[in-house]
N, C-alpha and C. Protein backbone atom coordinates (compact mmCIF):
# COMPACT_ATOMS: atom_id res chain seq x y z
N MET A 1 88.78 89.05 89.66
CA MET A 1 88.58 89.76 90.91
C MET A 1 89.86 89.64 91.74
N SER A 2 90.30 90.76 92.26
CA SER A 2 91.53 90.77 93.05
C SER A 2 91.31 90.09 94.41
N PHE A 3 92.42 89.68 95.01
CA PHE A 3 92.35 89.05 96.32
C PHE A 3 91.80 90.03 97.36
N LYS A 4 92.25 91.27 97.30
CA LYS A 4 91.80 92.30 98.25
C LYS A 4 90.28 92.51 98.14
N LEU A 5 89.77 92.57 96.93
CA LEU A 5 88.35 92.75 96.71
C LEU A 5 87.56 91.55 97.21
N SER A 6 88.04 90.37 96.89
CA SER A 6 87.38 89.14 97.34
C SER A 6 87.36 89.04 98.86
N LEU A 7 88.48 89.38 99.48
CA LEU A 7 88.56 89.35 100.95
C LEU A 7 87.61 90.36 101.57
N THR A 8 87.54 91.55 101.02
CA THR A 8 86.65 92.59 101.54
C THR A 8 85.19 92.15 101.43
N LYS A 9 84.80 91.58 100.31
CA LYS A 9 83.42 91.10 100.15
C LYS A 9 83.10 90.01 101.17
N THR A 10 84.06 89.13 101.42
CA THR A 10 83.86 88.06 102.39
C THR A 10 83.71 88.63 103.80
N VAL A 11 84.55 89.59 104.16
CA VAL A 11 84.47 90.21 105.48
C VAL A 11 83.13 90.91 105.66
N ILE A 12 82.68 91.64 104.65
CA ILE A 12 81.38 92.32 104.73
C ILE A 12 80.27 91.29 104.91
N LYS A 13 80.34 90.21 104.16
CA LYS A 13 79.31 89.17 104.23
C LYS A 13 79.27 88.49 105.60
N TRP A 14 80.44 88.29 106.20
CA TRP A 14 80.53 87.56 107.47
C TRP A 14 80.39 88.44 108.71
N THR A 15 80.40 89.75 108.54
CA THR A 15 80.27 90.63 109.69
C THR A 15 78.85 90.50 110.25
N PRO A 16 78.75 90.12 111.52
CA PRO A 16 77.42 89.93 112.10
C PRO A 16 76.64 91.25 112.20
N ASN A 17 75.37 91.19 111.87
CA ASN A 17 74.52 92.37 111.95
C ASN A 17 74.45 92.90 113.39
N LYS A 18 74.55 92.00 114.36
CA LYS A 18 74.54 92.42 115.77
C LYS A 18 75.74 93.30 116.07
N LEU A 19 76.90 92.99 115.51
CA LEU A 19 78.09 93.80 115.73
C LEU A 19 77.92 95.19 115.12
N ILE A 20 77.37 95.24 113.92
CA ILE A 20 77.12 96.53 113.27
C ILE A 20 76.13 97.35 114.09
N SER A 21 75.08 96.72 114.57
CA SER A 21 74.09 97.42 115.40
C SER A 21 74.73 97.93 116.68
N TRP A 22 75.55 97.11 117.31
CA TRP A 22 76.19 97.48 118.57
C TRP A 22 77.08 98.71 118.39
N VAL A 23 77.93 98.71 117.37
CA VAL A 23 78.83 99.84 117.11
C VAL A 23 78.03 101.09 116.74
N THR A 24 77.05 100.93 115.88
CA THR A 24 76.21 102.05 115.48
C THR A 24 75.51 102.67 116.68
N ASN A 25 75.00 101.83 117.56
CA ASN A 25 74.28 102.34 118.72
C ASN A 25 75.21 103.06 119.71
N ILE A 26 76.46 102.68 119.75
CA ILE A 26 77.43 103.43 120.58
C ILE A 26 77.60 104.84 120.00
N ILE A 27 77.72 104.92 118.68
CA ILE A 27 77.91 106.21 118.01
C ILE A 27 76.65 107.08 118.13
N LEU A 28 75.48 106.47 118.00
CA LEU A 28 74.21 107.23 118.00
C LEU A 28 73.58 107.36 119.38
N LYS A 29 74.32 107.06 120.42
CA LYS A 29 73.78 107.10 121.78
C LYS A 29 73.07 108.43 122.05
N ASP A 30 71.90 108.37 122.64
CA ASP A 30 71.05 109.51 122.99
C ASP A 30 70.45 110.22 121.78
N ILE A 31 70.67 109.71 120.57
CA ILE A 31 70.08 110.29 119.36
C ILE A 31 69.09 109.31 118.75
N ALA A 32 69.56 108.07 118.56
CA ALA A 32 68.75 107.04 117.92
C ALA A 32 69.31 105.67 118.27
N GLU A 33 68.51 104.65 117.98
CA GLU A 33 68.96 103.27 118.17
C GLU A 33 68.64 102.48 116.91
N LEU A 34 69.66 101.82 116.38
CA LEU A 34 69.48 100.93 115.24
C LEU A 34 68.92 99.62 115.78
N THR A 35 67.66 99.34 115.47
CA THR A 35 67.00 98.15 116.03
C THR A 35 67.05 96.94 115.11
N ASP A 36 67.23 97.17 113.82
CA ASP A 36 67.34 96.07 112.87
C ASP A 36 68.18 96.55 111.70
N PHE A 37 68.95 95.62 111.13
CA PHE A 37 69.85 95.99 110.04
C PHE A 37 70.12 94.77 109.19
N ASN A 38 70.15 94.98 107.87
CA ASN A 38 70.53 93.92 106.94
C ASN A 38 71.19 94.58 105.74
N PHE A 39 72.33 94.04 105.32
CA PHE A 39 73.07 94.58 104.18
C PHE A 39 73.54 93.43 103.32
N ASP A 40 73.14 93.43 102.05
CA ASP A 40 73.54 92.40 101.11
C ASP A 40 74.26 93.07 99.95
N LEU A 41 75.58 92.99 99.96
CA LEU A 41 76.40 93.65 98.95
C LEU A 41 76.17 93.06 97.57
N GLU A 42 76.05 91.75 97.49
CA GLU A 42 75.86 91.09 96.19
C GLU A 42 74.53 91.48 95.54
N ALA A 43 73.46 91.51 96.34
CA ALA A 43 72.15 91.85 95.81
C ALA A 43 71.94 93.37 95.75
N ARG A 44 72.88 94.12 96.35
CA ARG A 44 72.80 95.57 96.43
C ARG A 44 71.51 96.03 97.11
N LYS A 45 71.25 95.44 98.27
CA LYS A 45 70.08 95.79 99.06
C LYS A 45 70.49 96.05 100.50
N SER A 46 69.82 97.01 101.11
CA SER A 46 70.06 97.31 102.51
C SER A 46 68.74 97.66 103.17
N TYR A 47 68.61 97.25 104.41
CA TYR A 47 67.43 97.57 105.21
C TYR A 47 67.90 98.00 106.59
N MET A 48 67.31 99.05 107.10
CA MET A 48 67.61 99.45 108.46
C MET A 48 66.35 99.95 109.15
N GLN A 49 66.30 99.69 110.44
CA GLN A 49 65.18 100.14 111.25
C GLN A 49 65.78 100.94 112.41
N VAL A 50 65.31 102.18 112.54
CA VAL A 50 65.88 103.10 113.52
C VAL A 50 64.79 103.61 114.44
N GLN A 51 65.11 103.66 115.72
CA GLN A 51 64.21 104.23 116.73
C GLN A 51 64.83 105.55 117.18
N LEU A 52 64.23 106.66 116.79
CA LEU A 52 64.74 107.96 117.21
C LEU A 52 64.41 108.18 118.68
N ALA A 53 65.30 108.84 119.40
CA ALA A 53 65.08 109.12 120.82
C ALA A 53 63.81 109.97 120.96
N GLY A 54 62.94 109.55 121.85
CA GLY A 54 61.70 110.28 122.10
C GLY A 54 60.55 109.94 121.18
N GLU A 55 60.78 109.12 120.17
CA GLU A 55 59.73 108.72 119.22
C GLU A 55 59.18 107.35 119.61
N SER A 56 57.89 107.16 119.37
CA SER A 56 57.28 105.88 119.74
C SER A 56 57.36 104.84 118.63
N GLU A 57 57.43 105.27 117.38
CA GLU A 57 57.49 104.34 116.25
C GLU A 57 58.87 104.33 115.61
N THR A 58 59.22 103.20 115.02
CA THR A 58 60.51 103.10 114.32
C THR A 58 60.39 103.63 112.90
N ILE A 59 61.53 103.97 112.34
CA ILE A 59 61.61 104.37 110.94
C ILE A 59 62.30 103.23 110.19
N ASP A 60 61.66 102.73 109.15
CA ASP A 60 62.21 101.67 108.31
C ASP A 60 62.68 102.29 107.00
N VAL A 61 63.87 101.90 106.55
CA VAL A 61 64.42 102.40 105.29
C VAL A 61 64.93 101.22 104.48
N TRP A 62 64.54 101.17 103.19
CA TRP A 62 65.00 100.15 102.26
C TRP A 62 65.75 100.84 101.13
N LEU A 63 66.94 100.36 100.83
CA LEU A 63 67.74 100.87 99.72
C LEU A 63 68.03 99.71 98.77
N GLU A 64 67.91 99.96 97.47
CA GLU A 64 68.14 98.91 96.48
C GLU A 64 68.91 99.44 95.29
N ASN A 65 69.77 98.59 94.77
CA ASN A 65 70.53 98.86 93.54
C ASN A 65 71.37 100.13 93.64
N PHE A 66 72.35 100.10 94.51
CA PHE A 66 73.27 101.22 94.63
C PHE A 66 74.61 100.83 94.01
N ALA A 67 75.30 101.82 93.46
CA ALA A 67 76.57 101.55 92.77
C ALA A 67 77.38 102.83 92.63
N ILE A 68 78.66 102.64 92.32
CA ILE A 68 79.53 103.75 91.96
C ILE A 68 79.88 103.57 90.49
N ILE A 69 79.59 104.59 89.71
CA ILE A 69 79.85 104.58 88.28
C ILE A 69 81.12 105.37 88.01
N THR A 70 82.02 104.80 87.24
CA THR A 70 83.26 105.51 86.88
C THR A 70 83.20 105.93 85.42
N ASN A 71 83.75 107.12 85.16
CA ASN A 71 83.78 107.63 83.80
C ASN A 71 84.97 108.58 83.66
N GLU A 72 86.03 108.10 83.04
CA GLU A 72 87.22 108.90 82.77
C GLU A 72 87.74 109.63 84.02
N GLY A 73 87.95 108.90 85.07
CA GLY A 73 88.52 109.48 86.28
C GLY A 73 87.55 110.17 87.21
N SER A 74 86.28 110.26 86.83
CA SER A 74 85.28 110.84 87.74
C SER A 74 84.41 109.71 88.28
N TYR A 75 83.85 109.94 89.43
CA TYR A 75 83.07 108.91 90.11
C TYR A 75 81.71 109.48 90.49
N LYS A 76 80.68 108.66 90.26
CA LYS A 76 79.32 109.07 90.61
C LYS A 76 78.63 107.93 91.37
N PHE A 77 77.87 108.30 92.38
CA PHE A 77 77.10 107.34 93.15
C PHE A 77 75.67 107.37 92.66
N ILE A 78 75.07 106.19 92.51
CA ILE A 78 73.67 106.10 92.11
C ILE A 78 72.95 105.14 93.04
N LEU A 79 71.75 105.53 93.40
CA LEU A 79 70.86 104.72 94.23
C LEU A 79 69.56 104.62 93.45
N GLU A 80 69.26 103.43 92.93
CA GLU A 80 68.09 103.27 92.06
C GLU A 80 66.76 103.40 92.80
N GLN A 81 66.66 102.74 93.96
CA GLN A 81 65.39 102.77 94.70
C GLN A 81 65.66 102.99 96.18
N ALA A 82 64.83 103.81 96.79
CA ALA A 82 64.90 104.05 98.23
C ALA A 82 63.50 104.36 98.71
N LYS A 83 63.12 103.74 99.82
CA LYS A 83 61.78 104.00 100.36
C LYS A 83 61.82 103.84 101.88
N SER A 84 60.81 104.39 102.51
CA SER A 84 60.70 104.29 103.96
C SER A 84 59.23 104.19 104.34
N ASN A 85 59.00 104.04 105.63
CA ASN A 85 57.63 103.96 106.11
C ASN A 85 57.13 105.32 106.60
N ARG A 86 57.85 106.38 106.31
CA ARG A 86 57.46 107.74 106.66
C ARG A 86 57.33 108.58 105.40
N ILE A 87 56.23 109.31 105.27
CA ILE A 87 55.98 110.10 104.07
C ILE A 87 57.06 111.16 103.88
N TRP A 88 57.43 111.86 104.92
CA TRP A 88 58.42 112.93 104.79
C TRP A 88 59.77 112.39 104.33
N LEU A 89 60.15 111.21 104.83
CA LEU A 89 61.42 110.62 104.42
C LEU A 89 61.32 110.05 103.01
N ASP A 90 60.17 109.49 102.66
CA ASP A 90 59.95 109.02 101.28
C ASP A 90 60.12 110.18 100.29
N ASN A 91 59.61 111.35 100.64
CA ASN A 91 59.74 112.52 99.76
C ASN A 91 61.21 112.91 99.58
N ILE A 92 61.98 112.88 100.66
CA ILE A 92 63.41 113.18 100.56
C ILE A 92 64.11 112.13 99.70
N LEU A 93 63.84 110.85 99.97
CA LEU A 93 64.48 109.77 99.23
C LEU A 93 64.12 109.79 97.74
N SER A 94 62.90 110.22 97.42
CA SER A 94 62.50 110.27 96.01
C SER A 94 63.31 111.31 95.23
N ARG A 95 63.83 112.32 95.92
CA ARG A 95 64.65 113.34 95.27
C ARG A 95 66.10 112.88 95.09
N ILE A 96 66.48 111.86 95.83
CA ILE A 96 67.85 111.33 95.77
C ILE A 96 67.93 110.14 94.82
N ALA A 97 66.94 109.26 94.89
CA ALA A 97 66.95 108.01 94.12
C ALA A 97 66.84 108.26 92.62
N GLY A 98 67.55 107.41 91.87
CA GLY A 98 67.47 107.46 90.41
C GLY A 98 68.36 108.51 89.77
N LYS A 99 69.12 109.23 90.58
CA LYS A 99 70.00 110.27 90.04
C LYS A 99 71.45 109.90 90.33
N GLU A 100 72.32 110.38 89.46
CA GLU A 100 73.76 110.18 89.67
C GLU A 100 74.29 111.37 90.47
N TRP A 101 75.03 111.05 91.53
CA TRP A 101 75.60 112.08 92.40
C TRP A 101 77.12 112.03 92.31
N LYS A 102 77.72 113.14 91.87
CA LYS A 102 79.18 113.20 91.72
C LYS A 102 79.84 113.05 93.09
N ILE A 103 80.85 112.20 93.15
CA ILE A 103 81.61 111.98 94.37
C ILE A 103 82.86 112.86 94.30
N PRO A 104 82.98 113.84 95.18
CA PRO A 104 84.21 114.64 95.18
C PRO A 104 85.36 113.81 95.75
N VAL A 105 86.43 113.72 95.03
CA VAL A 105 87.56 112.91 95.46
C VAL A 105 88.54 113.81 96.22
N THR A 106 88.53 113.68 97.55
CA THR A 106 89.44 114.45 98.39
C THR A 106 90.79 113.74 98.46
N ALA A 107 91.77 114.44 98.99
CA ALA A 107 93.11 113.86 99.10
C ALA A 107 93.11 112.60 99.97
N GLN A 108 92.29 112.60 101.04
CA GLN A 108 92.22 111.44 101.92
C GLN A 108 91.55 110.26 101.23
N MET A 109 90.65 110.54 100.32
CA MET A 109 89.87 109.48 99.67
C MET A 109 90.54 108.95 98.41
N ALA A 110 91.41 109.75 97.80
CA ALA A 110 92.02 109.40 96.51
C ALA A 110 92.65 108.01 96.46
N PRO A 111 93.40 107.59 97.49
CA PRO A 111 94.03 106.27 97.38
C PRO A 111 93.03 105.10 97.37
N ASN A 112 91.81 105.33 97.85
CA ASN A 112 90.86 104.23 98.00
C ASN A 112 89.65 104.29 97.07
N ILE A 113 89.47 105.38 96.35
CA ILE A 113 88.26 105.54 95.55
C ILE A 113 88.15 104.49 94.44
N GLU A 114 89.25 104.13 93.83
CA GLU A 114 89.19 103.10 92.77
C GLU A 114 88.76 101.76 93.35
N PHE A 115 89.26 101.45 94.54
CA PHE A 115 88.87 100.19 95.19
C PHE A 115 87.39 100.21 95.53
N LEU A 116 86.89 101.33 96.08
CA LEU A 116 85.46 101.44 96.38
C LEU A 116 84.61 101.35 95.12
N ALA A 117 85.09 101.96 94.05
CA ALA A 117 84.35 101.91 92.78
C ALA A 117 84.30 100.47 92.25
N GLU A 118 85.38 99.73 92.42
CA GLU A 118 85.39 98.32 92.00
C GLU A 118 84.47 97.49 92.90
N LEU A 119 84.48 97.78 94.20
CA LEU A 119 83.63 97.05 95.14
C LEU A 119 82.15 97.29 94.85
N LEU A 120 81.81 98.52 94.46
CA LEU A 120 80.40 98.88 94.23
C LEU A 120 80.09 99.13 92.76
N LYS A 121 80.82 98.48 91.87
CA LYS A 121 80.55 98.69 90.45
C LYS A 121 79.15 98.17 90.12
N PRO A 122 78.51 98.75 89.12
CA PRO A 122 77.14 98.32 88.75
C PRO A 122 77.11 96.84 88.39
N LYS A 123 75.99 96.20 88.71
CA LYS A 123 75.82 94.77 88.41
C LYS A 123 75.75 94.54 86.93
């Protein structure tokens, strides 16, 4: 494992969830509020709880086993499991989960896609 990769994993692990929530809530002001968040890169699990503006109940989303698969210079994102506490969102997530999605490599992304693929390589 490269030093850059190791450092990035450490920074992700040590970033406080409160800081992520605070920054996200600045961006989503008047749209939604991130009320709870957890991200575990090693276990490939993420949980988020969002309160949409004007809604009384929160939306909970769980993501598991996500990765970037590389194959001869092409990159695909896969999300094995995704679920929520809302039926409509569960239906959307069921159409996304378990499928490989081609990542278009733009000029801005090209210098970093290999690093991201290494960071999110399948377990």
